[in-house]
Amino acid sequence: MIKEGSKANYVVRAKTGWGGQKTKEKGFQNVGWYIGYIETKDNVYYFSNCIQSPDDNNPDFAKARIEIMDKILTELKIYE
């Protein structure tokens, strides 16, 4: 895991990945993931996000893995 960021009240360690799979129903699918954990003063939170897209030309696919997870963790008030 790589240290992705930190502030006074938490540290994020995470890893991204990107691959693909071919299916009979949908053809080729891009598969992206973002996994890791957040250490706070009082707890450790683990997270995992997996997204799929058939669009090879989507310029937002790479950053979407992280942005989706950041939004969820912010809504859960795990970090800001």
N, C-alpha and C. Protein backbone atom coordinates (compact mmCIF):
# COMPACT_ATOMS: atom_id res chain seq x y z
N MET A 1 0.83 -1.17 0.00
CA MET A 1 0.00 0.00 0.00
C MET A 1 0.89 1.24 0.00
N ILE A 2 0.41 2.24 -0.68
CA ILE A 2 1.12 3.51 -0.79
C ILE A 2 0.39 4.54 0.06
N LYS A 3 1.13 5.38 0.73
CA LYS A 3 0.52 6.45 1.50
C LYS A 3 -0.04 7.47 0.52
N GLU A 4 -1.37 7.55 0.46
CA GLU A 4 -2.05 8.42 -0.49
C GLU A 4 -2.23 9.83 0.05
N GLY A 5 -2.32 9.95 1.34
CA GLY A 5 -2.53 11.27 1.92
C GLY A 5 -2.65 11.18 3.42
N SER A 6 -2.50 12.32 4.04
CA SER A 6 -2.67 12.35 5.49
C SER A 6 -3.00 13.77 5.92
N LYS A 7 -3.65 13.86 7.04
CA LYS A 7 -3.92 15.11 7.72
C LYS A 7 -3.67 14.84 9.19
N ALA A 8 -3.90 15.81 10.02
CA ALA A 8 -3.62 15.66 11.45
C ALA A 8 -4.41 14.51 12.08
N ASN A 9 -5.60 14.22 11.54
CA ASN A 9 -6.45 13.22 12.19
C ASN A 9 -6.59 11.90 11.43
N TYR A 10 -5.89 11.71 10.31
CA TYR A 10 -5.96 10.42 9.62
C TYR A 10 -4.81 10.24 8.63
N VAL A 11 -4.59 8.96 8.26
CA VAL A 11 -3.63 8.59 7.21
C VAL A 11 -4.34 7.61 6.28
N VAL A 12 -4.20 7.82 4.97
CA VAL A 12 -4.80 6.93 3.97
C VAL A 12 -3.69 6.16 3.28
N ARG A 13 -3.83 4.84 3.25
CA ARG A 13 -2.92 3.98 2.49
C ARG A 13 -3.79 3.19 1.53
N ALA A 14 -3.40 3.20 0.24
CA ALA A 14 -4.28 2.60 -0.77
C ALA A 14 -3.50 2.18 -2.00
N LYS A 15 -4.19 1.43 -2.87
CA LYS A 15 -3.61 0.95 -4.12
C LYS A 15 -4.70 0.92 -5.18
N THR A 16 -4.36 1.39 -6.38
CA THR A 16 -5.29 1.30 -7.50
C THR A 16 -4.88 0.15 -8.42
N GLY A 17 -5.81 -0.27 -9.24
CA GLY A 17 -5.52 -1.29 -10.24
C GLY A 17 -6.48 -1.14 -11.40
N TRP A 18 -6.08 -1.70 -12.56
CA TRP A 18 -6.91 -1.60 -13.76
C TRP A 18 -6.64 -2.81 -14.63
N GLY A 19 -7.69 -3.45 -15.06
CA GLY A 19 -7.55 -4.60 -15.93
C GLY A 19 -8.76 -4.67 -16.84
N GLY A 20 -8.97 -5.79 -17.42
CA GLY A 20 -10.11 -5.95 -18.30
C GLY A 20 -10.55 -7.39 -18.36
N GLN A 21 -11.77 -7.57 -18.82
CA GLN A 21 -12.28 -8.92 -19.00
C GLN A 21 -13.23 -8.93 -20.19
N LYS A 22 -13.23 -10.04 -20.86
CA LYS A 22 -14.12 -10.20 -22.01
C LYS A 22 -15.28 -11.09 -21.58
N THR A 23 -16.49 -10.64 -21.87
CA THR A 23 -17.67 -11.44 -21.55
C THR A 23 -18.50 -11.63 -22.81
N LYS A 24 -19.28 -12.69 -22.84
CA LYS A 24 -20.14 -12.95 -23.99
C LYS A 24 -21.25 -11.90 -24.09
N GLU A 25 -21.78 -11.50 -22.94
CA GLU A 25 -22.92 -10.59 -22.93
C GLU A 25 -22.52 -9.14 -23.24
N LYS A 26 -21.41 -8.68 -22.67
CA LYS A 26 -21.08 -7.26 -22.75
C LYS A 26 -19.84 -6.95 -23.58
N GLY A 27 -19.18 -7.95 -24.11
CA GLY A 27 -17.93 -7.71 -24.82
C GLY A 27 -16.82 -7.40 -23.83
N PHE A 28 -15.91 -6.52 -24.19
CA PHE A 28 -14.80 -6.17 -23.31
C PHE A 28 -15.24 -5.16 -22.26
N GLN A 29 -14.83 -5.39 -21.03
CA GLN A 29 -15.13 -4.50 -19.92
C GLN A 29 -13.83 -4.06 -19.25
N ASN A 30 -13.64 -2.75 -19.09
CA ASN A 30 -12.57 -2.24 -18.24
C ASN A 30 -12.98 -2.45 -16.80
N VAL A 31 -12.07 -2.91 -15.98
CA VAL A 31 -12.34 -3.12 -14.56
C VAL A 31 -11.28 -2.34 -13.79
N GLY A 32 -11.73 -1.42 -12.95
CA GLY A 32 -10.80 -0.63 -12.15
C GLY A 32 -11.13 -0.78 -10.68
N TRP A 33 -10.12 -0.71 -9.84
CA TRP A 33 -10.37 -0.84 -8.41
C TRP A 33 -9.48 0.10 -7.61
N TYR A 34 -9.91 0.34 -6.39
CA TYR A 34 -9.19 1.17 -5.44
C TYR A 34 -9.44 0.56 -4.07
N ILE A 35 -8.39 0.07 -3.43
CA ILE A 35 -8.53 -0.58 -2.13
C ILE A 35 -7.55 0.04 -1.15
N GLY A 36 -7.88 -0.07 0.12
CA GLY A 36 -6.95 0.45 1.11
C GLY A 36 -7.57 0.55 2.48
N TYR A 37 -6.94 1.39 3.30
CA TYR A 37 -7.46 1.61 4.64
C TYR A 37 -7.09 3.00 5.12
N ILE A 38 -7.87 3.46 6.09
CA ILE A 38 -7.67 4.77 6.70
C ILE A 38 -7.44 4.54 8.18
N GLU A 39 -6.35 5.10 8.68
CA GLU A 39 -6.07 5.04 10.11
C GLU A 39 -6.42 6.39 10.73
N THR A 40 -7.30 6.36 11.72
CA THR A 40 -7.59 7.55 12.49
C THR A 40 -7.03 7.33 13.89
N LYS A 41 -7.19 8.31 14.74
CA LYS A 41 -6.69 8.19 16.11
C LYS A 41 -7.38 7.03 16.84
N ASP A 42 -8.65 6.80 16.53
CA ASP A 42 -9.44 5.82 17.27
C ASP A 42 -9.79 4.55 16.53
N ASN A 43 -9.53 4.48 15.21
CA ASN A 43 -10.04 3.33 14.46
C ASN A 43 -9.27 3.15 13.16
N VAL A 44 -9.50 1.98 12.54
CA VAL A 44 -9.00 1.69 11.20
C VAL A 44 -10.20 1.31 10.35
N TYR A 45 -10.32 1.94 9.18
CA TYR A 45 -11.43 1.67 8.26
C TYR A 45 -10.85 1.11 6.97
N TYR A 46 -11.36 -0.04 6.54
CA TYR A 46 -10.93 -0.66 5.28
C TYR A 46 -11.95 -0.34 4.20
N PHE A 47 -11.48 -0.16 2.97
CA PHE A 47 -12.41 0.13 1.89
C PHE A 47 -11.97 -0.58 0.62
N SER A 48 -12.95 -0.78 -0.26
CA SER A 48 -12.70 -1.39 -1.56
C SER A 48 -13.74 -0.85 -2.54
N ASN A 49 -13.29 -0.49 -3.72
CA ASN A 49 -14.18 0.01 -4.75
C ASN A 49 -13.81 -0.65 -6.08
N CYS A 50 -14.79 -1.18 -6.77
CA CYS A 50 -14.57 -1.79 -8.08
C CYS A 50 -15.59 -1.22 -9.05
N ILE A 51 -15.09 -0.68 -10.17
CA ILE A 51 -15.99 -0.13 -11.19
C ILE A 51 -15.70 -0.80 -12.53
N GLN A 52 -16.70 -0.78 -13.41
CA GLN A 52 -16.56 -1.37 -14.74
C GLN A 52 -17.10 -0.42 -15.79
N SER A 53 -16.51 -0.48 -16.98
CA SER A 53 -16.98 0.33 -18.10
C SER A 53 -16.59 -0.33 -19.41
N PRO A 54 -17.52 -0.34 -20.38
CA PRO A 54 -17.17 -0.88 -21.70
C PRO A 54 -16.47 0.16 -22.58
N ASP A 55 -16.39 1.40 -22.12
CA ASP A 55 -15.86 2.51 -22.92
C ASP A 55 -14.34 2.63 -22.75
N ASP A 56 -13.59 2.24 -23.78
CA ASP A 56 -12.13 2.35 -23.75
C ASP A 56 -11.64 3.79 -23.85
N ASN A 57 -12.50 4.70 -24.26
CA ASN A 57 -12.08 6.08 -24.49
C ASN A 57 -12.57 7.03 -23.39
N ASN A 58 -12.98 6.51 -22.26
CA ASN A 58 -13.47 7.34 -21.17
C ASN A 58 -12.29 7.96 -20.43
N PRO A 59 -12.06 9.26 -20.58
CA PRO A 59 -10.91 9.90 -19.95
C PRO A 59 -11.04 9.99 -18.43
N ASP A 60 -12.24 9.80 -17.90
CA ASP A 60 -12.47 9.93 -16.46
C ASP A 60 -12.41 8.60 -15.71
N PHE A 61 -12.24 7.51 -16.43
CA PHE A 61 -12.29 6.19 -15.79
C PHE A 61 -11.21 6.04 -14.71
N ALA A 62 -10.00 6.42 -14.99
CA ALA A 62 -8.90 6.24 -14.04
C ALA A 62 -9.13 7.00 -12.75
N LYS A 63 -9.53 8.26 -12.84
CA LYS A 63 -9.72 9.05 -11.63
C LYS A 63 -11.04 8.74 -10.93
N ALA A 64 -12.00 8.16 -11.65
CA ALA A 64 -13.31 7.85 -11.05
C ALA A 64 -13.18 6.84 -9.92
N ARG A 65 -12.23 5.90 -10.03
CA ARG A 65 -12.06 4.90 -8.97
C ARG A 65 -11.82 5.56 -7.62
N ILE A 66 -10.98 6.59 -7.62
CA ILE A 66 -10.62 7.27 -6.38
C ILE A 66 -11.70 8.28 -5.99
N GLU A 67 -12.21 9.02 -6.95
CA GLU A 67 -13.21 10.05 -6.65
C GLU A 67 -14.48 9.47 -6.04
N ILE A 68 -14.92 8.33 -6.55
CA ILE A 68 -16.12 7.68 -6.00
C ILE A 68 -15.88 7.30 -4.54
N MET A 69 -14.73 6.69 -4.27
CA MET A 69 -14.44 6.26 -2.90
C MET A 69 -14.29 7.46 -1.98
N ASP A 70 -13.63 8.53 -2.44
CA ASP A 70 -13.49 9.73 -1.62
C ASP A 70 -14.85 10.31 -1.25
N LYS A 71 -15.76 10.32 -2.22
CA LYS A 71 -17.10 10.86 -1.95
C LYS A 71 -17.82 10.02 -0.90
N ILE A 72 -17.74 8.71 -1.02
CA ILE A 72 -18.40 7.82 -0.06
C ILE A 72 -17.81 8.01 1.34
N LEU A 73 -16.48 8.03 1.45
CA LEU A 73 -15.85 8.18 2.76
C LEU A 73 -16.11 9.54 3.37
N THR A 74 -16.23 10.57 2.55
CA THR A 74 -16.58 11.89 3.06
C THR A 74 -18.02 11.92 3.56
N GLU A 75 -18.93 11.31 2.80
CA GLU A 75 -20.34 11.24 3.23
C GLU A 75 -20.48 10.47 4.54
N LEU A 76 -19.65 9.45 4.73
CA LEU A 76 -19.68 8.68 5.97
C LEU A 76 -18.97 9.40 7.11
N LYS A 77 -18.38 10.56 6.82
CA LYS A 77 -17.66 11.39 7.78
C LYS A 77 -16.45 10.68 8.37
N ILE A 78 -15.83 9.81 7.56
CA ILE A 78 -14.61 9.15 7.98
C ILE A 78 -13.43 10.09 7.79
N TYR A 79 -13.47 10.87 6.73
CA TYR A 79 -12.50 11.96 6.57
C TYR A 79 -13.08 13.07 5.73
N GLU A 80 -12.35 14.17 5.70
CA GLU A 80 -12.82 15.34 4.95
C GLU A 80 -11.92 15.59 3.77
